[in-house]
Amino acid sequence: MAAENVVEKILADARAEAEKIGKQAQERDAAEQAKLDEQLRQFDEQTEALAKKAAEDEKSHILAAARMEMAKEYLAEKTRILREVFEQARGRLHSLPDKEYLDLMTRLMVQAVETGEEEVIVGREETRINQELVDRVNEQLSAKGKGRLTFSGDRAAIQGGFILRRGKIKKNVSTDVLLDQARKDLEIQLAQELFT
């Protein structure tokens, strides 16, 4: 009997030890599971935050690209309108009545003269700017003590306006150059609008 009690005692101790080891394993398993659950929760939060940030970044990028595209289209439309306006201005300038055209050319010539010793060169088709206009300009220049212009027999490839030449120095005051300069100034303003 004593042997049975000893065996029973050993078995009871073994069961108790197995139960204790089983409980410890369950506790470790539960702790590992809780740790894993916490890591998964943190991973999900990080993933959601990264996805949200990436979505916001992508949205910002798309909006910036759309704004830039709209600005480019706006500038292109302004440029197209500007081109049409300058073509109309060129046509109107060339079709001004003689008196208005000659008054304008007189003012431009007086402003453009540097020494008063220049030659006035006109376009091949020009019929309105002539010696009479140059004489009128000379009258205004003599009041300023600037010398005398001469009307050149040379002709240039310009549509309207004139060129003042003194030796190798030329000052182009053709209507195309004047309009192109005004257009460039406006295009610079348009470009600045695009990038501000």
Foldseek 3Di string as FASTA:
>chain_A
DVVVVVVVVVVVVVVVVVVVVVVVVVVVVVVVVVVVVVVVVVVVVVVVVVVVVVVVVVVVVVVVVVLLVVLVVVLVVVLVVLVVVLVVVVVCLLPPPLVVNLVVLLVVVLVPDDQQAWEKEEAPPDDRDDPVSQVVSQVVVVVVVRYGYHYDPHHDHADAHIWTDDPPDIDDPGPVVVSVVVSVVVSVVSVVVSVD
